[in-house]
């Protein structure tokens, strides 16, 4: 058996578990993937004017293609859909909640969520920002009034927002704290649920060891988050990190060690179908068939 390959995903937990030795305590022989979400964010550094405004690829497509890791995270909508389409499995024994919001410039004329009627909000295609923006604006706007633009990776969207290239952007995690610290205005909160994607053929016992390590890391963060905010620098490219003081950030995503239930799975499937957000070729599998137990 090779090493258990972990892809960090814009949160502190994996870095804390590694530094504190929690994975090793659980007997997990592991390594971090070098071409994952965080690395792509850093390698994707480019001026905002060079970022494509219509990027039709995101977390769902990434999982469909096959990630180069044994375990990774994404919004629960994308993980749910990918598992339903037979791209790996969904881990049903935990989920997490990530702070997120729709932000505009400090001097923007948009003051309330209602002001975003027919205004394209920059999001990542088939990713948490995409789905959470739609869900977050549903209480304020008619369906026909909710508009999005597919603007690449999270840090790309931040650069576009900072340069005034987009009127509004949906951000989460480190990007949320970054724009908040720079005085950008949050029009509405879109905090959303993350799920875990397990690649095909992965040993469930290794996944259990991984999550036991994360549970210890969650306690560490809850007890003394200030010690671990330094790890936000591993989740940000240098040009954006230079703009902020990560000591002022919050703790970010919080893992909830409770089941992602059959009802949650089916409710999510129904919502995505109601918005035509599922690939028409996907026939949703039964809950029991899409989870790694």
C-alpha atoms as a PDB file:
ATOM      1  CA  UNK A   1       0.000   0.000   0.000  1.00  0.00           C
ATOM      2  CA  UNK A   2       1.261   3.475  -0.864  1.00  0.00           C
ATOM      3  CA  UNK A   3       0.947   6.555   1.264  1.00  0.00           C
ATOM      4  CA  UNK A   4      -2.483   8.050   1.911  1.00  0.00           C
ATOM      5  CA  UNK A   5      -2.555  11.171  -0.261  1.00  0.00           C
ATOM      6  CA  UNK A   6      -4.268  14.278   1.173  1.00  0.00           C
ATOM      7  CA  UNK A   7      -5.272  17.408  -0.735  1.00  0.00           C
ATOM      8  CA  UNK A   8      -5.603  20.414   1.628  1.00  0.00           C
ATOM      9  CA  UNK A   9      -8.537  22.642   0.747  1.00  0.00           C
ATOM     10  CA  UNK A  10      -8.346  26.240   1.931  1.00  0.00           C
ATOM     11  CA  UNK A  11      -8.561  25.448   5.645  1.00  0.00           C
ATOM     12  CA  UNK A  12      -6.282  25.033   8.647  1.00  0.00           C
ATOM     13  CA  UNK A  13      -7.036  21.501   9.802  1.00  0.00           C
ATOM     14  CA  UNK A  14      -4.678  19.400   7.700  1.00  0.00           C
ATOM     15  CA  UNK A  15      -1.749  21.694   8.451  1.00  0.00           C
ATOM     16  CA  UNK A  16      -2.518  21.610  12.187  1.00  0.00           C
ATOM     17  CA  UNK A  17      -2.907  17.822  12.248  1.00  0.00           C
ATOM     18  CA  UNK A  18       0.422  17.504  10.448  1.00  0.00           C
ATOM     19  CA  UNK A  19       2.296  19.919  12.722  1.00  0.00           C
ATOM     20  CA  UNK A  20       0.841  18.451  15.913  1.00  0.00           C
ATOM     21  CA  UNK A  21       1.471  14.869  14.838  1.00  0.00           C
ATOM     22  CA  UNK A  22      -2.169  13.820  14.974  1.00  0.00           C
ATOM     23  CA  UNK A  23      -2.101  11.836  11.739  1.00  0.00           C
ATOM     24  CA  UNK A  24       0.978   9.946  12.893  1.00  0.00           C
ATOM     25  CA  UNK A  25      -0.641   9.267  16.268  1.00  0.00           C
ATOM     26  CA  UNK A  26      -3.463   7.570  14.393  1.00  0.00           C
ATOM     27  CA  UNK A  27      -1.021   5.441  12.420  1.00  0.00           C
ATOM     28  CA  UNK A  28      -1.699   7.140   9.094  1.00  0.00           C
ATOM     29  CA  UNK A  29       1.124   6.913   6.549  1.00  0.00           C
ATOM     30  CA  UNK A  30       0.395  10.013   4.465  1.00  0.00           C
ATOM     31  CA  UNK A  31       1.617  12.798   2.265  1.00  0.00           C
ATOM     32  CA  UNK A  32       0.176  16.047   0.903  1.00  0.00           C
ATOM     33  CA  UNK A  33      -0.477  16.289  -2.818  1.00  0.00           C
ATOM     34  CA  UNK A  34       1.673  18.924  -4.539  1.00  0.00           C
ATOM     35  CA  UNK A  35      -0.742  19.848  -7.326  1.00  0.00           C
ATOM     36  CA  UNK A  36      -3.884  20.391  -5.319  1.00  0.00           C
ATOM     37  CA  UNK A  37      -6.240  23.271  -4.686  1.00  0.00           C
ATOM     38  CA  UNK A  38      -3.781  25.385  -2.689  1.00  0.00           C
ATOM     39  CA  UNK A  39      -0.921  24.837  -5.101  1.00  0.00           C
ATOM     40  CA  UNK A  40      -3.104  25.692  -8.066  1.00  0.00           C
ATOM     41  CA  UNK A  41      -4.064  28.918  -6.352  1.00  0.00           C
ATOM     42  CA  UNK A  42      -0.405  29.860  -5.979  1.00  0.00           C
ATOM     43  CA  UNK A  43       0.654  28.738  -9.450  1.00  0.00           C
ATOM     44  CA  UNK A  44      -2.297  30.620 -10.933  1.00  0.00           C
ATOM     45  CA  UNK A  45      -0.950  34.029  -9.884  1.00  0.00           C
ATOM     46  CA  UNK A  46      -1.623  36.423 -12.724  1.00  0.00           C
ATOM     47  CA  UNK A  47      -2.815  40.003 -13.236  1.00  0.00           C
ATOM     48  CA  UNK A  48      -6.585  40.292 -13.011  1.00  0.00           C
ATOM     49  CA  UNK A  49      -6.821  41.605 -16.566  1.00  0.00           C
ATOM     50  CA  UNK A  50      -5.497  38.256 -17.801  1.00  0.00           C
ATOM     51  CA  UNK A  51      -8.053  36.164 -15.916  1.00  0.00           C
ATOM     52  CA  UNK A  52     -10.773  34.723 -18.103  1.00  0.00           C
ATOM     53  CA  UNK A  53     -14.208  35.924 -17.044  1.00  0.00           C
ATOM     54  CA  UNK A  54     -15.939  32.764 -18.280  1.00  0.00           C
ATOM     55  CA  UNK A  55     -14.162  29.714 -16.867  1.00  0.00           C
ATOM     56  CA  UNK A  56     -16.434  26.683 -17.294  1.00  0.00           C
ATOM     57  CA  UNK A  57     -14.623  24.266 -15.035  1.00  0.00           C
ATOM     58  CA  UNK A  58     -14.746  23.827 -11.286  1.00  0.00           C
ATOM     59  CA  UNK A  59     -14.784  21.427  -8.355  1.00  0.00           C
ATOM     60  CA  UNK A  60     -17.328  19.075  -9.921  1.00  0.00           C
ATOM     61  CA  UNK A  61     -15.357  18.689 -13.164  1.00  0.00           C
ATOM     62  CA  UNK A  62     -12.141  18.288 -11.176  1.00  0.00           C
ATOM     63  CA  UNK A  63     -13.583  15.345  -9.259  1.00  0.00           C
ATOM     64  CA  UNK A  64     -15.118  13.849 -12.391  1.00  0.00           C
ATOM     65  CA  UNK A  65     -11.718  13.881 -14.067  1.00  0.00           C
ATOM     66  CA  UNK A  66     -10.122  12.242 -11.025  1.00  0.00           C
ATOM     67  CA  UNK A  67      -8.147  14.092  -8.403  1.00  0.00           C
ATOM     68  CA  UNK A  68      -4.558  13.073  -7.691  1.00  0.00           C
ATOM     69  CA  UNK A  69      -5.312  12.286  -4.057  1.00  0.00           C
ATOM     70  CA  UNK A  70      -7.149   9.809  -1.848  1.00  0.00           C
ATOM     71  CA  UNK A  71      -9.191  12.383   0.081  1.00  0.00           C
ATOM     72  CA  UNK A  72     -10.143  15.978  -0.617  1.00  0.00           C
ATOM     73  CA  UNK A  73     -12.891  18.464   0.143  1.00  0.00           C
ATOM     74  CA  UNK A  74     -15.289  20.600  -1.828  1.00  0.00           C
ATOM     75  CA  UNK A  75     -18.739  22.047  -1.331  1.00  0.00           C
ATOM     76  CA  UNK A  76     -21.262  19.349  -0.485  1.00  0.00           C
ATOM     77  CA  UNK A  77     -23.213  20.095  -3.673  1.00  0.00           C
ATOM     78  CA  UNK A  78     -20.244  19.225  -5.897  1.00  0.00           C
ATOM     79  CA  UNK A  79     -19.193  16.192  -3.834  1.00  0.00           C
ATOM     80  CA  UNK A  80     -22.794  14.995  -3.763  1.00  0.00           C
ATOM     81  CA  UNK A  81     -23.133  15.329  -7.545  1.00  0.00           C
ATOM     82  CA  UNK A  82     -19.737  13.790  -8.292  1.00  0.00           C
ATOM     83  CA  UNK A  83     -20.506  10.763  -6.125  1.00  0.00           C
ATOM     84  CA  UNK A  84     -23.918  10.414  -7.773  1.00  0.00           C
ATOM     85  CA  UNK A  85     -22.106  10.331 -11.107  1.00  0.00           C
ATOM     86  CA  UNK A  86     -19.800   7.532  -9.933  1.00  0.00           C
ATOM     87  CA  UNK A  87     -16.755   9.781  -9.506  1.00  0.00           C
ATOM     88  CA  UNK A  88     -15.486   8.455  -6.189  1.00  0.00           C
ATOM     89  CA  UNK A  89     -17.495   8.319  -2.981  1.00  0.00           C
ATOM     90  CA  UNK A  90     -18.776  10.762  -0.388  1.00  0.00           C
ATOM     91  CA  UNK A  91     -17.690  10.350   3.249  1.00  0.00           C
ATOM     92  CA  UNK A  92     -20.941  10.336   5.253  1.00  0.00           C
ATOM     93  CA  UNK A  93     -19.649  10.602   8.822  1.00  0.00           C
ATOM     94  CA  UNK A  94     -18.663  14.287   8.872  1.00  0.00           C
ATOM     95  CA  UNK A  95     -19.144  17.556   7.037  1.00  0.00           C
ATOM     96  CA  UNK A  96     -17.957  21.103   7.642  1.00  0.00           C
ATOM     97  CA  UNK A  97     -19.250  24.656   7.519  1.00  0.00           C
ATOM     98  CA  UNK A  98     -17.269  27.352   5.748  1.00  0.00           C
ATOM     99  CA  UNK A  99     -17.778  31.090   6.299  1.00  0.00           C
ATOM    100  CA  UNK A 100     -18.661  32.725   2.985  1.00  0.00           C
ATOM    101  CA  UNK A 101     -20.295  35.831   1.636  1.00  0.00           C
ATOM    102  CA  UNK A 102     -21.010  38.047  -1.350  1.00  0.00           C
ATOM    103  CA  UNK A 103     -18.845  41.165  -1.236  1.00  0.00           C
ATOM    104  CA  UNK A 104     -18.731  44.459  -3.123  1.00  0.00           C
ATOM    105  CA  UNK A 105     -16.287  47.367  -3.084  1.00  0.00           C
ATOM    106  CA  UNK A 106     -16.478  49.841  -0.175  1.00  0.00           C
ATOM    107  CA  UNK A 107     -17.705  52.588  -2.503  1.00  0.00           C
ATOM    108  CA  UNK A 108     -20.137  50.377  -4.419  1.00  0.00           C
ATOM    109  CA  UNK A 109     -23.671  51.609  -5.021  1.00  0.00           C
ATOM    110  CA  UNK A 110     -24.932  48.141  -4.078  1.00  0.00           C
ATOM    111  CA  UNK A 111     -26.029  48.263  -0.446  1.00  0.00           C
ATOM    112  CA  UNK A 112     -28.427  45.314  -0.046  1.00  0.00           C
ATOM    113  CA  UNK A 113     -28.804  41.853  -1.575  1.00  0.00           C
ATOM    114  CA  UNK A 114     -31.835  43.139  -3.494  1.00  0.00           C
ATOM    115  CA  UNK A 115     -29.532  45.560  -5.320  1.00  0.00           C
ATOM    116  CA  UNK A 116     -27.884  42.566  -7.023  1.00  0.00           C
ATOM    117  CA  UNK A 117     -30.904  41.882  -9.235  1.00  0.00           C
ATOM    118  CA  UNK A 118     -29.464  40.981 -12.672  1.00  0.00           C
ATOM    119  CA  UNK A 119     -25.959  41.902 -11.466  1.00  0.00           C
ATOM    120  CA  UNK A 120     -23.466  39.090 -12.237  1.00  0.00           C
ATOM    121  CA  UNK A 121     -21.725  37.885  -9.084  1.00  0.00           C
ATOM    122  CA  UNK A 122     -18.271  36.385  -9.739  1.00  0.00           C
ATOM    123  CA  UNK A 123     -18.240  32.707  -8.722  1.00  0.00           C
ATOM    124  CA  UNK A 124     -16.409  29.478  -9.494  1.00  0.00           C
ATOM    125  CA  UNK A 125     -18.219  27.193 -11.922  1.00  0.00           C
ATOM    126  CA  UNK A 126     -19.931  24.166 -10.311  1.00  0.00           C
ATOM    127  CA  UNK A 127     -18.241  25.013  -7.016  1.00  0.00           C
ATOM    128  CA  UNK A 128     -19.268  26.184  -3.554  1.00  0.00           C
ATOM    129  CA  UNK A 129     -19.323  29.862  -4.486  1.00  0.00           C
ATOM    130  CA  UNK A 130     -21.635  29.079  -7.429  1.00  0.00           C
ATOM    131  CA  UNK A 131     -24.186  27.067  -5.484  1.00  0.00           C
ATOM    132  CA  UNK A 132     -24.038  29.120  -2.281  1.00  0.00           C
ATOM    133  CA  UNK A 133     -24.551  32.370  -4.189  1.00  0.00           C
ATOM    134  CA  UNK A 134     -27.732  31.044  -5.777  1.00  0.00           C
ATOM    135  CA  UNK A 135     -28.985  29.652  -2.477  1.00  0.00           C
ATOM    136  CA  UNK A 136     -27.994  32.802  -0.589  1.00  0.00           C
ATOM    137  CA  UNK A 137     -29.834  35.121  -2.977  1.00  0.00           C
ATOM    138  CA  UNK A 138     -33.010  33.029  -3.202  1.00  0.00           C
ATOM    139  CA  UNK A 139     -34.655  34.834  -0.240  1.00  0.00           C
ATOM    140  CA  UNK A 140     -34.079  38.239  -1.849  1.00  0.00           C
ATOM    141  CA  UNK A 141     -34.477  37.852  -5.616  1.00  0.00           C
ATOM    142  CA  UNK A 142     -36.651  36.072  -8.121  1.00  0.00           C
ATOM    143  CA  UNK A 143     -34.922  33.201  -9.886  1.00  0.00           C
ATOM    144  CA  UNK A 144     -34.776  35.169 -13.117  1.00  0.00           C
ATOM    145  CA  UNK A 145     -32.920  37.994 -11.327  1.00  0.00           C
ATOM    146  CA  UNK A 146     -30.042  35.891  -9.913  1.00  0.00           C
ATOM    147  CA  UNK A 147     -27.001  36.267 -12.170  1.00  0.00           C
ATOM    148  CA  UNK A 148     -23.457  34.894 -11.922  1.00  0.00           C
ATOM    149  CA  UNK A 149     -20.222  35.117 -13.902  1.00  0.00           C
ATOM    150  CA  UNK A 150     -17.780  32.206 -13.890  1.00  0.00           C
ATOM    151  CA  UNK A 151     -14.512  33.834 -12.912  1.00  0.00           C
ATOM    152  CA  UNK A 152     -11.995  31.118 -12.118  1.00  0.00           C
ATOM    153  CA  UNK A 153     -10.307  30.156  -8.868  1.00  0.00           C
ATOM    154  CA  UNK A 154     -11.076  31.900  -5.555  1.00  0.00           C
ATOM    155  CA  UNK A 155      -7.949  34.058  -5.617  1.00  0.00           C
ATOM    156  CA  UNK A 156      -8.662  35.073  -9.204  1.00  0.00           C
ATOM    157  CA  UNK A 157     -12.062  36.356  -8.099  1.00  0.00           C
ATOM    158  CA  UNK A 158     -10.447  38.348  -5.298  1.00  0.00           C
ATOM    159  CA  UNK A 159      -8.048  39.995  -7.738  1.00  0.00           C
ATOM    160  CA  UNK A 160     -10.914  40.841 -10.062  1.00  0.00           C
ATOM    161  CA  UNK A 161     -12.885  42.365  -7.195  1.00  0.00           C
ATOM    162  CA  UNK A 162      -9.909  44.376  -5.899  1.00  0.00           C
ATOM    163  CA  UNK A 163      -9.236  45.743  -9.383  1.00  0.00           C
ATOM    164  CA  UNK A 164     -12.857  46.682  -9.961  1.00  0.00           C
ATOM    165  CA  UNK A 165     -13.194  44.200 -12.834  1.00  0.00           C
ATOM    166  CA  UNK A 166     -16.338  42.609 -11.360  1.00  0.00           C
ATOM    167  CA  UNK A 167     -19.188  44.324  -9.491  1.00  0.00           C
ATOM    168  CA  UNK A 168     -19.479  41.635  -6.810  1.00  0.00           C
ATOM    169  CA  UNK A 169     -17.771  38.380  -5.856  1.00  0.00           C
ATOM    170  CA  UNK A 170     -18.595  35.344  -3.782  1.00  0.00           C
ATOM    171  CA  UNK A 171     -15.705  34.301  -1.539  1.00  0.00           C
ATOM    172  CA  UNK A 172     -15.019  31.894   1.326  1.00  0.00           C
ATOM    173  CA  UNK A 173     -12.261  30.952   3.770  1.00  0.00           C
ATOM    174  CA  UNK A 174      -9.068  32.989   3.486  1.00  0.00           C
ATOM    175  CA  UNK A 175     -10.547  35.119   0.699  1.00  0.00           C
ATOM    176  CA  UNK A 176     -13.499  36.012   2.940  1.00  0.00           C
ATOM    177  CA  UNK A 177     -11.195  37.294   5.669  1.00  0.00           C
ATOM    178  CA  UNK A 178      -8.988  39.083   3.135  1.00  0.00           C
ATOM    179  CA  UNK A 179     -11.692  41.217   1.543  1.00  0.00           C
ATOM    180  CA  UNK A 180     -13.318  41.805   4.928  1.00  0.00           C
ATOM    181  CA  UNK A 181     -10.037  43.139   6.320  1.00  0.00           C
ATOM    182  CA  UNK A 182      -9.636  45.441   3.336  1.00  0.00           C
ATOM    183  CA  UNK A 183     -13.015  47.016   4.019  1.00  0.00           C
ATOM    184  CA  UNK A 184     -15.108  45.414   1.325  1.00  0.00           C
ATOM    185  CA  UNK A 185     -18.831  45.313   2.094  1.00  0.00           C
ATOM    186  CA  UNK A 186     -20.644  42.031   2.652  1.00  0.00           C
ATOM    187  CA  UNK A 187     -24.149  42.187   1.203  1.00  0.00           C
ATOM    188  CA  UNK A 188     -25.219  38.818   2.533  1.00  0.00           C
ATOM    189  CA  UNK A 189     -23.733  35.824   4.274  1.00  0.00           C
ATOM    190  CA  UNK A 190     -23.560  32.601   2.260  1.00  0.00           C
ATOM    191  CA  UNK A 191     -21.870  30.263   4.752  1.00  0.00           C
ATOM    192  CA  UNK A 192     -22.127  26.796   3.265  1.00  0.00           C
ATOM    193  CA  UNK A 193     -21.521  23.094   3.842  1.00  0.00           C
ATOM    194  CA  UNK A 194     -18.452  21.209   2.672  1.00  0.00           C
ATOM    195  CA  UNK A 195     -18.247  17.479   2.024  1.00  0.00           C
ATOM    196  CA  UNK A 196     -15.365  15.051   1.601  1.00  0.00           C
ATOM    197  CA  UNK A 197     -14.581  13.224  -1.623  1.00  0.00           C
ATOM    198  CA  UNK A 198     -12.953   9.789  -1.345  1.00  0.00           C
ATOM    199  CA  UNK A 199     -11.298   8.491  -4.499  1.00  0.00           C
ATOM    200  CA  UNK A 200     -12.161   5.032  -5.818  1.00  0.00           C
ATOM    201  CA  UNK A 201     -10.535   2.083  -4.067  1.00  0.00           C
ATOM    202  CA  UNK A 202      -9.348   3.970  -0.971  1.00  0.00           C
ATOM    203  CA  UNK A 203      -9.160   1.974   2.276  1.00  0.00           C
ATOM    204  CA  UNK A 204     -11.924   3.129   4.603  1.00  0.00           C
ATOM    205  CA  UNK A 205      -9.702   2.477   7.645  1.00  0.00           C
ATOM    206  CA  UNK A 206      -7.232   5.077   6.392  1.00  0.00           C
ATOM    207  CA  UNK A 207     -10.078   7.559   5.966  1.00  0.00           C
ATOM    208  CA  UNK A 208     -11.128   6.938   9.576  1.00  0.00           C
ATOM    209  CA  UNK A 209      -7.563   7.593  10.765  1.00  0.00           C
ATOM    210  CA  UNK A 210      -7.522  10.800   8.719  1.00  0.00           C
ATOM    211  CA  UNK A 211     -10.745  12.061  10.278  1.00  0.00           C
ATOM    212  CA  UNK A 212      -9.643  11.153  13.798  1.00  0.00           C
ATOM    213  CA  UNK A 213      -6.587  13.329  13.149  1.00  0.00           C
ATOM    214  CA  UNK A 214      -8.809  16.156  11.913  1.00  0.00           C
ATOM    215  CA  UNK A 215     -11.010  15.861  14.995  1.00  0.00           C
ATOM    216  CA  UNK A 216      -7.981  16.438  17.201  1.00  0.00           C
ATOM    217  CA  UNK A 217      -6.955  19.357  15.003  1.00  0.00           C
ATOM    218  CA  UNK A 218     -10.435  20.864  15.349  1.00  0.00           C
ATOM    219  CA  UNK A 219     -10.065  20.788  19.133  1.00  0.00           C
ATOM    220  CA  UNK A 220      -6.658  22.473  18.831  1.00  0.00           C
ATOM    221  CA  UNK A 221      -8.123  25.237  16.671  1.00  0.00           C
ATOM    222  CA  UNK A 222     -11.108  25.691  18.990  1.00  0.00           C
ATOM    223  CA  UNK A 223      -8.826  25.951  21.996  1.00  0.00           C
ATOM    224  CA  UNK A 224      -6.183  28.312  20.633  1.00  0.00           C
ATOM    225  CA  UNK A 225      -6.840  29.445  17.075  1.00  0.00           C
ATOM    226  CA  UNK A 226      -4.216  32.190  17.260  1.00  0.00           C
ATOM    227  CA  UNK A 227      -1.427  29.593  17.224  1.00  0.00           C
ATOM    228  CA  UNK A 228      -2.499  28.276  13.852  1.00  0.00           C
ATOM    229  CA  UNK A 229      -3.521  31.308  11.821  1.00  0.00           C
ATOM    230  CA  UNK A 230       0.009  31.309  10.360  1.00  0.00           C
ATOM    231  CA  UNK A 231      -1.154  28.461   8.134  1.00  0.00           C
ATOM    232  CA  UNK A 232      -3.417  30.815   6.208  1.00  0.00           C
ATOM    233  CA  UNK A 233      -0.215  31.918   4.464  1.00  0.00           C
ATOM    234  CA  UNK A 234      -0.024  28.433   2.917  1.00  0.00           C
ATOM    235  CA  UNK A 235      -3.460  29.000   1.424  1.00  0.00           C
ATOM    236  CA  UNK A 236      -2.737  32.361  -0.208  1.00  0.00           C
ATOM    237  CA  UNK A 237      -0.513  33.523  -3.083  1.00  0.00           C
ATOM    238  CA  UNK A 238       2.177  36.038  -2.195  1.00  0.00           C
ATOM    239  CA  UNK A 239       0.555  39.026  -3.900  1.00  0.00           C
ATOM    240  CA  UNK A 240      -2.602  38.740  -1.798  1.00  0.00           C
ATOM    241  CA  UNK A 241      -0.872  37.710   1.428  1.00  0.00           C
ATOM    242  CA  UNK A 242       1.140  40.946   1.257  1.00  0.00           C
ATOM    243  CA  UNK A 243      -2.088  42.955   1.567  1.00  0.00           C
ATOM    244  CA  UNK A 244      -3.278  41.598   4.917  1.00  0.00           C
ATOM    245  CA  UNK A 245      -2.305  40.497   8.411  1.00  0.00           C
ATOM    246  CA  UNK A 246      -3.447  36.881   8.831  1.00  0.00           C
ATOM    247  CA  UNK A 247      -3.278  37.244  12.618  1.00  0.00           C
ATOM    248  CA  UNK A 248      -6.548  39.183  12.249  1.00  0.00           C
ATOM    249  CA  UNK A 249      -8.277  36.376  10.335  1.00  0.00           C
ATOM    250  CA  UNK A 250     -10.823  34.035  11.863  1.00  0.00           C
ATOM    251  CA  UNK A 251     -10.437  30.246  12.165  1.00  0.00           C
ATOM    252  CA  UNK A 252     -12.312  29.512   8.950  1.00  0.00           C
ATOM    253  CA  UNK A 253     -14.044  26.245   8.224  1.00  0.00           C
ATOM    254  CA  UNK A 254     -15.318  24.176  11.155  1.00  0.00           C
ATOM    255  CA  UNK A 255     -15.664  20.418  10.841  1.00  0.00           C
ATOM    256  CA  UNK A 256     -18.863  18.910  12.236  1.00  0.00           C
ATOM    257  CA  UNK A 257     -18.446  15.282  13.231  1.00  0.00           C
ATOM    258  CA  UNK A 258     -22.040  14.334  12.551  1.00  0.00           C
ATOM    259  CA  UNK A 259     -23.523  12.258   9.708  1.00  0.00           C
ATOM    260  CA  UNK A 260     -24.261  13.597   6.257  1.00  0.00           C
ATOM    261  CA  UNK A 261     -27.550  11.745   6.163  1.00  0.00           C
ATOM    262  CA  UNK A 262     -29.645  10.198   3.419  1.00  0.00           C
ATOM    263  CA  UNK A 263     -32.169  13.008   3.872  1.00  0.00           C
ATOM    264  CA  UNK A 264     -29.431  15.626   3.439  1.00  0.00           C
ATOM    265  CA  UNK A 265     -28.199  13.860   0.304  1.00  0.00           C
ATOM    266  CA  UNK A 266     -31.666  13.631  -1.253  1.00  0.00           C
ATOM    267  CA  UNK A 267     -32.611  17.205  -0.330  1.00  0.00           C
ATOM    268  CA  UNK A 268     -29.425  18.461  -1.965  1.00  0.00           C
ATOM    269  CA  UNK A 269     -30.043  16.398  -5.088  1.00  0.00           C
ATOM    270  CA  UNK A 270     -33.567  17.780  -5.370  1.00  0.00           C
ATOM    271  CA  UNK A 271     -32.410  21.391  -5.001  1.00  0.00           C
ATOM    272  CA  UNK A 272     -29.708  21.022  -7.648  1.00  0.00           C
ATOM    273  CA  UNK A 273     -32.179  19.426 -10.046  1.00  0.00           C
ATOM    274  CA  UNK A 274     -34.658  22.248  -9.476  1.00  0.00           C
ATOM    275  CA  UNK A 275     -32.022  24.680 -10.757  1.00  0.00           C
ATOM    276  CA  UNK A 276     -30.729  22.381 -13.531  1.00  0.00           C
ATOM    277  CA  UNK A 277     -27.343  22.367 -11.827  1.00  0.00           C
ATOM    278  CA  UNK A 278     -26.727  18.651 -12.341  1.00  0.00           C
ATOM    279  CA  UNK A 279     -25.204  17.316 -15.527  1.00  0.00           C
ATOM    280  CA  UNK A 280     -28.205  15.957 -17.475  1.00  0.00           C
ATOM    281  CA  UNK A 281     -26.268  12.706 -17.981  1.00  0.00           C
ATOM    282  CA  UNK A 282     -26.115  11.995 -14.266  1.00  0.00           C
ATOM    283  CA  UNK A 283     -28.663   9.607 -12.846  1.00  0.00           C
ATOM    284  CA  UNK A 284     -28.435  10.063  -9.099  1.00  0.00           C
ATOM    285  CA  UNK A 285     -27.483   6.896  -7.272  1.00  0.00           C
ATOM    286  CA  UNK A 286     -29.090   5.771  -4.047  1.00  0.00           C
ATOM    287  CA  UNK A 287     -27.480   7.199  -0.924  1.00  0.00           C
ATOM    288  CA  UNK A 288     -26.171   3.763   0.049  1.00  0.00           C
ATOM    289  CA  UNK A 289     -24.351   3.470  -3.277  1.00  0.00           C
ATOM    290  CA  UNK A 290     -22.543   6.824  -3.247  1.00  0.00           C
ATOM    291  CA  UNK A 291     -21.068   6.899   0.264  1.00  0.00           C
ATOM    292  CA  UNK A 292     -17.887   5.307   1.577  1.00  0.00           C
ATOM    293  CA  UNK A 293     -18.829   3.684   4.873  1.00  0.00           C
END
